[in-house]
């Protein structure tokens, strides 16, 4: 006899997921979580671009200072 659930997902987890899908109170928290995730991703992308330009600026300053000696 085969189990009614996939072997990799325990039954308590399936019950918890089903209950979470039926509940609507957590929808606002999920929405805020998604917004926060998008803001963090945007910050990472922006800071990555800023890091490249900052590195180039300090390299320029380093070469100018080294050339002034």
PDB file of N, CA and C in Angstrom:
ATOM      1  N   UNK A   1       0.837  -1.182   0.000  1.00  0.00           N
ATOM      2  CA  UNK A   1       0.000   0.000   0.000  1.00  0.00           C
ATOM      3  C   UNK A   1       0.886   1.251   0.000  1.00  0.00           C
ATOM      4  N   UNK A   2       0.635   2.166  -0.929  1.00  0.00           N
ATOM      5  CA  UNK A   2       1.422   3.395  -1.039  1.00  0.00           C
ATOM      6  C   UNK A   2       0.892   4.451  -0.089  1.00  0.00           C
ATOM      7  N   UNK A   3       1.771   5.276   0.485  1.00  0.00           N
ATOM      8  CA  UNK A   3       1.296   6.370   1.352  1.00  0.00           C
ATOM      9  C   UNK A   3       0.549   7.407   0.522  1.00  0.00           C
ATOM     10  N   UNK A   4      -0.285   8.196   1.199  1.00  0.00           N
ATOM     11  CA  UNK A   4      -1.096   9.214   0.521  1.00  0.00           C
ATOM     12  C   UNK A   4      -0.327  10.499   0.277  1.00  0.00           C
ATOM     13  N   UNK A   5       0.883  10.607   0.769  1.00  0.00           N
ATOM     14  CA  UNK A   5       1.694  11.807   0.608  1.00  0.00           C
ATOM     15  C   UNK A   5       3.045  11.397   0.055  1.00  0.00           C
ATOM     16  N   UNK A   6       3.735  12.334  -0.585  1.00  0.00           N
ATOM     17  CA  UNK A   6       5.083  12.004  -1.093  1.00  0.00           C
ATOM     18  C   UNK A   6       6.000  11.616   0.065  1.00  0.00           C
ATOM     19  N   UNK A   7       6.888  10.718  -0.183  1.00  0.00           N
ATOM     20  CA  UNK A   7       7.767  10.207   0.868  1.00  0.00           C
ATOM     21  C   UNK A   7       8.716  11.277   1.397  1.00  0.00           C
ATOM     22  N   UNK A   8       8.968  12.298   0.640  1.00  0.00           N
ATOM     23  CA  UNK A   8       9.924  13.311   1.078  1.00  0.00           C
ATOM     24  C   UNK A   8       9.292  14.382   1.955  1.00  0.00           C
ATOM     25  N   UNK A   9       7.970  14.513   1.968  1.00  0.00           N
ATOM     26  CA  UNK A   9       7.301  15.539   2.765  1.00  0.00           C
ATOM     27  C   UNK A   9       6.563  14.870   3.923  1.00  0.00           C
ATOM     28  N   UNK A  10       6.939  15.183   5.162  1.00  0.00           N
ATOM     29  CA  UNK A  10       6.262  14.570   6.308  1.00  0.00           C
ATOM     30  C   UNK A  10       4.808  15.049   6.412  1.00  0.00           C
ATOM     31  N   UNK A  11       3.928  14.222   6.963  1.00  0.00           N
ATOM     32  CA  UNK A  11       2.507  14.578   7.050  1.00  0.00           C
ATOM     33  C   UNK A  11       2.241  15.845   7.850  1.00  0.00           C
ATOM     34  N   UNK A  12       2.994  16.073   8.935  1.00  0.00           N
ATOM     35  CA  UNK A  12       2.743  17.281   9.722  1.00  0.00           C
ATOM     36  C   UNK A  12       3.032  18.539   8.906  1.00  0.00           C
ATOM     37  N   UNK A  13       4.001  18.465   8.005  1.00  0.00           N
ATOM     38  CA  UNK A  13       4.320  19.609   7.167  1.00  0.00           C
ATOM     39  C   UNK A  13       3.216  19.846   6.147  1.00  0.00           C
ATOM     40  N   UNK A  14       2.665  18.793   5.607  1.00  0.00           N
ATOM     41  CA  UNK A  14       1.537  18.930   4.674  1.00  0.00           C
ATOM     42  C   UNK A  14       0.330  19.543   5.373  1.00  0.00           C
ATOM     43  N   UNK A  15       0.051  19.109   6.606  1.00  0.00           N
ATOM     44  CA  UNK A  15      -1.074  19.688   7.354  1.00  0.00           C
ATOM     45  C   UNK A  15      -0.837  21.161   7.631  1.00  0.00           C
ATOM     46  N   UNK A  16       0.393  21.514   8.000  1.00  0.00           N
ATOM     47  CA  UNK A  16       0.731  22.912   8.279  1.00  0.00           C
ATOM     48  C   UNK A  16       0.591  23.765   7.024  1.00  0.00           C
ATOM     49  N   UNK A  17       1.054  23.251   5.895  1.00  0.00           N
ATOM     50  CA  UNK A  17       0.940  23.993   4.631  1.00  0.00           C
ATOM     51  C   UNK A  17      -0.519  24.162   4.231  1.00  0.00           C
ATOM     52  N   UNK A  18      -1.335  23.123   4.405  1.00  0.00           N
ATOM     53  CA  UNK A  18      -2.755  23.221   4.059  1.00  0.00           C
ATOM     54  C   UNK A  18      -3.452  24.243   4.946  1.00  0.00           C
ATOM     55  N   UNK A  19      -3.122  24.248   6.238  1.00  0.00           N
ATOM     56  CA  UNK A  19      -3.725  25.222   7.147  1.00  0.00           C
ATOM     57  C   UNK A  19      -3.296  26.644   6.790  1.00  0.00           C
ATOM     58  N   UNK A  20      -2.048  26.810   6.404  1.00  0.00           N
ATOM     59  CA  UNK A  20      -1.559  28.139   6.030  1.00  0.00           C
ATOM     60  C   UNK A  20      -2.243  28.645   4.772  1.00  0.00           C
ATOM     61  N   UNK A  21      -2.534  27.746   3.847  1.00  0.00           N
ATOM     62  CA  UNK A  21      -3.217  28.159   2.614  1.00  0.00           C
ATOM     63  C   UNK A  21      -4.664  28.539   2.876  1.00  0.00           C
ATOM     64  N   UNK A  22      -5.292  27.927   3.884  1.00  0.00           N
ATOM     65  CA  UNK A  22      -6.683  28.261   4.209  1.00  0.00           C
ATOM     66  C   UNK A  22      -6.792  29.572   4.961  1.00  0.00           C
ATOM     67  N   UNK A  23      -5.787  29.922   5.736  1.00  0.00           N
ATOM     68  CA  UNK A  23      -5.816  31.139   6.545  1.00  0.00           C
ATOM     69  C   UNK A  23      -5.567  32.365   5.670  1.00  0.00           C
ATOM     70  N   UNK A  24      -6.239  33.450   5.969  1.00  0.00           N
ATOM     71  CA  UNK A  24      -6.010  34.688   5.217  1.00  0.00           C
ATOM     72  C   UNK A  24      -5.349  35.758   6.077  1.00  0.00           C
ATOM     73  N   UNK A  25      -5.201  35.490   7.379  1.00  0.00           N
ATOM     74  CA  UNK A  25      -4.613  36.498   8.264  1.00  0.00           C
ATOM     75  C   UNK A  25      -3.146  36.746   7.983  1.00  0.00           C
ATOM     76  N   UNK A  26      -2.444  35.771   7.483  1.00  0.00           N
ATOM     77  CA  UNK A  26      -1.022  35.933   7.236  1.00  0.00           C
ATOM     78  C   UNK A  26      -0.697  36.558   5.891  1.00  0.00           C
ATOM     79  N   UNK A  27      -1.723  36.873   5.097  1.00  0.00           N
ATOM     80  CA  UNK A  27      -1.489  37.418   3.760  1.00  0.00           C
ATOM     81  C   UNK A  27      -0.761  38.757   3.827  1.00  0.00           C
ATOM     82  N   UNK A  28      -1.104  39.592   4.779  1.00  0.00           N
ATOM     83  CA  UNK A  28      -0.450  40.896   4.905  1.00  0.00           C
ATOM     84  C   UNK A  28       1.013  40.723   5.257  1.00  0.00           C
ATOM     85  N   UNK A  29       1.314  39.808   6.143  1.00  0.00           N
ATOM     86  CA  UNK A  29       2.707  39.566   6.518  1.00  0.00           C
ATOM     87  C   UNK A  29       3.500  39.059   5.324  1.00  0.00           C
ATOM     88  N   UNK A  30       2.893  38.203   4.526  1.00  0.00           N
ATOM     89  CA  UNK A  30       3.576  37.693   3.333  1.00  0.00           C
ATOM     90  C   UNK A  30       3.830  38.830   2.356  1.00  0.00           C
ATOM     91  N   UNK A  31       2.845  39.705   2.175  1.00  0.00           N
ATOM     92  CA  UNK A  31       3.020  40.842   1.264  1.00  0.00           C
ATOM     93  C   UNK A  31       4.156  41.748   1.735  1.00  0.00           C
ATOM     94  N   UNK A  32       4.185  42.039   3.030  1.00  0.00           N
ATOM     95  CA  UNK A  32       5.268  42.873   3.560  1.00  0.00           C
ATOM     96  C   UNK A  32       6.610  42.167   3.411  1.00  0.00           C
ATOM     97  N   UNK A  33       6.623  40.876   3.581  1.00  0.00           N
ATOM     98  CA  UNK A  33       7.858  40.118   3.396  1.00  0.00           C
ATOM     99  C   UNK A  33       8.359  40.187   1.967  1.00  0.00           C
ATOM    100  N   UNK A  34       7.442  40.100   1.007  1.00  0.00           N
ATOM    101  CA  UNK A  34       7.839  40.211  -0.400  1.00  0.00           C
ATOM    102  C   UNK A  34       8.353  41.603  -0.729  1.00  0.00           C
ATOM    103  N   UNK A  35       7.682  42.616  -0.197  1.00  0.00           N
ATOM    104  CA  UNK A  35       8.136  43.995  -0.422  1.00  0.00           C
ATOM    105  C   UNK A  35       9.536  44.176   0.155  1.00  0.00           C
ATOM    106  N   UNK A  36       9.752  43.670   1.359  1.00  0.00           N
ATOM    107  CA  UNK A  36      11.069  43.770   1.986  1.00  0.00           C
ATOM    108  C   UNK A  36      12.123  43.044   1.162  1.00  0.00           C
ATOM    109  N   UNK A  37      11.775  41.874   0.628  1.00  0.00           N
ATOM    110  CA  UNK A  37      12.725  41.123  -0.195  1.00  0.00           C
ATOM    111  C   UNK A  37      13.097  41.912  -1.448  1.00  0.00           C
ATOM    112  N   UNK A  38      12.112  42.546  -2.091  1.00  0.00           N
ATOM    113  CA  UNK A  38      12.401  43.347  -3.284  1.00  0.00           C
ATOM    114  C   UNK A  38      13.262  44.553  -2.950  1.00  0.00           C
ATOM    115  N   UNK A  39      13.023  45.175  -1.811  1.00  0.00           N
ATOM    116  CA  UNK A  39      13.843  46.319  -1.398  1.00  0.00           C
ATOM    117  C   UNK A  39      15.281  45.879  -1.149  1.00  0.00           C
ATOM    118  N   UNK A  40      15.463  44.747  -0.506  1.00  0.00           N
ATOM    119  CA  UNK A  40      16.812  44.245  -0.231  1.00  0.00           C
ATOM    120  C   UNK A  40      17.524  43.914  -1.540  1.00  0.00           C
ATOM    121  N   UNK A  41      16.823  43.291  -2.473  1.00  0.00           N
ATOM    122  CA  UNK A  41      17.429  42.978  -3.777  1.00  0.00           C
ATOM    123  C   UNK A  41      17.835  44.254  -4.497  1.00  0.00           C
ATOM    124  N   UNK A  42      16.975  45.268  -4.471  1.00  0.00           N
ATOM    125  CA  UNK A  42      17.305  46.540  -5.114  1.00  0.00           C
ATOM    126  C   UNK A  42      18.518  47.187  -4.442  1.00  0.00           C
ATOM    127  N   UNK A  43      18.609  47.092  -3.124  1.00  0.00           N
ATOM    128  CA  UNK A  43      19.762  47.658  -2.418  1.00  0.00           C
ATOM    129  C   UNK A  43      21.047  46.929  -2.788  1.00  0.00           C
ATOM    130  N   UNK A  44      20.976  45.616  -2.888  1.00  0.00           N
ATOM    131  CA  UNK A  44      22.167  44.843  -3.247  1.00  0.00           C
ATOM    132  C   UNK A  44      22.633  45.212  -4.647  1.00  0.00           C
ATOM    133  N   UNK A  45      21.698  45.323  -5.578  1.00  0.00           N
ATOM    134  CA  UNK A  45      22.062  45.688  -6.953  1.00  0.00           C
ATOM    135  C   UNK A  45      22.664  47.090  -6.980  1.00  0.00           C
ATOM    136  N   UNK A  46      22.049  48.019  -6.278  1.00  0.00           N
ATOM    137  CA  UNK A  46      22.561  49.385  -6.249  1.00  0.00           C
ATOM    138  C   UNK A  46      23.930  49.483  -5.604  1.00  0.00           C
ATOM    139  N   UNK A  47      24.110  48.794  -4.491  1.00  0.00           N
ATOM    140  CA  UNK A  47      25.400  48.847  -3.805  1.00  0.00           C
ATOM    141  C   UNK A  47      26.495  48.151  -4.597  1.00  0.00           C
ATOM    142  N   UNK A  48      26.132  47.132  -5.373  1.00  0.00           N
ATOM    143  CA  UNK A  48      27.116  46.469  -6.213  1.00  0.00           C
ATOM    144  C   UNK A  48      27.632  47.439  -7.274  1.00  0.00           C
ATOM    145  N   UNK A  49      26.738  48.200  -7.884  1.00  0.00           N
ATOM    146  CA  UNK A  49      27.159  49.203  -8.857  1.00  0.00           C
ATOM    147  C   UNK A  49      27.976  50.309  -8.223  1.00  0.00           C
ATOM    148  N   UNK A  50      27.577  50.715  -7.030  1.00  0.00           N
ATOM    149  CA  UNK A  50      28.310  51.757  -6.314  1.00  0.00           C
ATOM    150  C   UNK A  50      29.702  51.271  -5.927  1.00  0.00           C
ATOM    151  N   UNK A  51      29.819  50.007  -5.566  1.00  0.00           N
ATOM    152  CA  UNK A  51      31.120  49.462  -5.181  1.00  0.00           C
ATOM    153  C   UNK A  51      32.097  49.505  -6.350  1.00  0.00           C
ATOM    154  N   UNK A  52      31.608  49.226  -7.555  1.00  0.00           N
ATOM    155  CA  UNK A  52      32.487  49.275  -8.723  1.00  0.00           C
ATOM    156  C   UNK A  52      33.016  50.671  -8.977  1.00  0.00           C
ATOM    157  N   UNK A  53      32.140  51.665  -8.921  1.00  0.00           N
ATOM    158  CA  UNK A  53      32.594  53.030  -9.174  1.00  0.00           C
ATOM    159  C   UNK A  53      33.481  53.536  -8.038  1.00  0.00           C
ATOM    160  N   UNK A  54      33.207  53.149  -6.811  1.00  0.00           N
ATOM    161  CA  UNK A  54      34.039  53.562  -5.686  1.00  0.00           C
ATOM    162  C   UNK A  54      35.432  52.944  -5.790  1.00  0.00           C
ATOM    163  N   UNK A  55      35.488  51.687  -6.187  1.00  0.00           N
ATOM    164  CA  UNK A  55      36.780  51.034  -6.362  1.00  0.00           C
ATOM    165  C   UNK A  55      37.603  51.734  -7.434  1.00  0.00           C
ATOM    166  N   UNK A  56      36.953  52.084  -8.540  1.00  0.00           N
ATOM    167  CA  UNK A  56      37.666  52.810  -9.601  1.00  0.00           C
ATOM    168  C   UNK A  56      38.152  54.165  -9.108  1.00  0.00           C
ATOM    169  N   UNK A  57      37.358  54.857  -8.310  1.00  0.00           N
ATOM    170  CA  UNK A  57      37.748  56.165  -7.791  1.00  0.00           C
ATOM    171  C   UNK A  57      38.982  56.037  -6.892  1.00  0.00           C
ATOM    172  N   UNK A  58      38.988  55.074  -5.972  1.00  0.00           N
ATOM    173  CA  UNK A  58      40.119  54.924  -5.061  1.00  0.00           C
ATOM    174  C   UNK A  58      41.359  54.440  -5.794  1.00  0.00           C
ATOM    175  N   UNK A  59      41.190  53.663  -6.837  1.00  0.00           N
ATOM    176  CA  UNK A  59      42.340  53.251  -7.645  1.00  0.00           C
ATOM    177  C   UNK A  59      42.947  54.463  -8.332  1.00  0.00           C
ATOM    178  N   UNK A  60      42.104  55.353  -8.838  1.00  0.00           N
ATOM    179  CA  UNK A  60      42.574  56.593  -9.463  1.00  0.00           C
ATOM    180  C   UNK A  60      43.331  57.439  -8.445  1.00  0.00           C
ATOM    181  N   UNK A  61      42.762  57.589  -7.250  1.00  0.00           N
ATOM    182  CA  UNK A  61      43.416  58.383  -6.204  1.00  0.00           C
ATOM    183  C   UNK A  61      44.760  57.758  -5.842  1.00  0.00           C
ATOM    184  N   UNK A  62      44.790  56.435  -5.736  1.00  0.00           N
ATOM    185  CA  UNK A  62      46.033  55.745  -5.392  1.00  0.00           C
ATOM    186  C   UNK A  62      47.111  55.986  -6.445  1.00  0.00           C
ATOM    187  N   UNK A  63      46.758  55.917  -7.715  1.00  0.00           N
ATOM    188  CA  UNK A  63      47.760  56.134  -8.762  1.00  0.00           C
ATOM    189  C   UNK A  63      48.224  57.593  -8.770  1.00  0.00           C
ATOM    190  N   UNK A  64      47.341  58.525  -8.513  1.00  0.00           N
ATOM    191  CA  UNK A  64      47.734  59.947  -8.491  1.00  0.00           C
ATOM    192  C   UNK A  64      48.664  60.225  -7.311  1.00  0.00           C
ATOM    193  N   UNK A  65      48.365  59.642  -6.152  1.00  0.00           N
ATOM    194  CA  UNK A  65      49.220  59.847  -4.976  1.00  0.00           C
ATOM    195  C   UNK A  65      50.577  59.189  -5.186  1.00  0.00           C
ATOM    196  N   UNK A  66      50.574  57.996  -5.755  1.00  0.00           N
ATOM    197  CA  UNK A  66      51.831  57.305  -6.004  1.00  0.00           C
ATOM    198  C   UNK A  66      52.679  58.055  -7.039  1.00  0.00           C
ATOM    199  N   UNK A  67      52.025  58.688  -8.010  1.00  0.00           N
ATOM    200  CA  UNK A  67      52.737  59.452  -9.028  1.00  0.00           C
ATOM    201  C   UNK A  67      53.279  60.776  -8.507  1.00  0.00           C
ATOM    202  N   UNK A  68      52.703  61.305  -7.426  1.00  0.00           N
ATOM    203  CA  UNK A  68      53.122  62.581  -6.873  1.00  0.00           C
ATOM    204  C   UNK A  68      54.380  62.464  -6.022  1.00  0.00           C
ATOM    205  N   UNK A  69      54.763  61.278  -5.669  1.00  0.00           N
ATOM    206  CA  UNK A  69      55.926  61.107  -4.802  1.00  0.00           C
ATOM    207  C   UNK A  69      57.146  61.391  -5.546  1.00  0.00           C
TER     208      UNK A  69
END
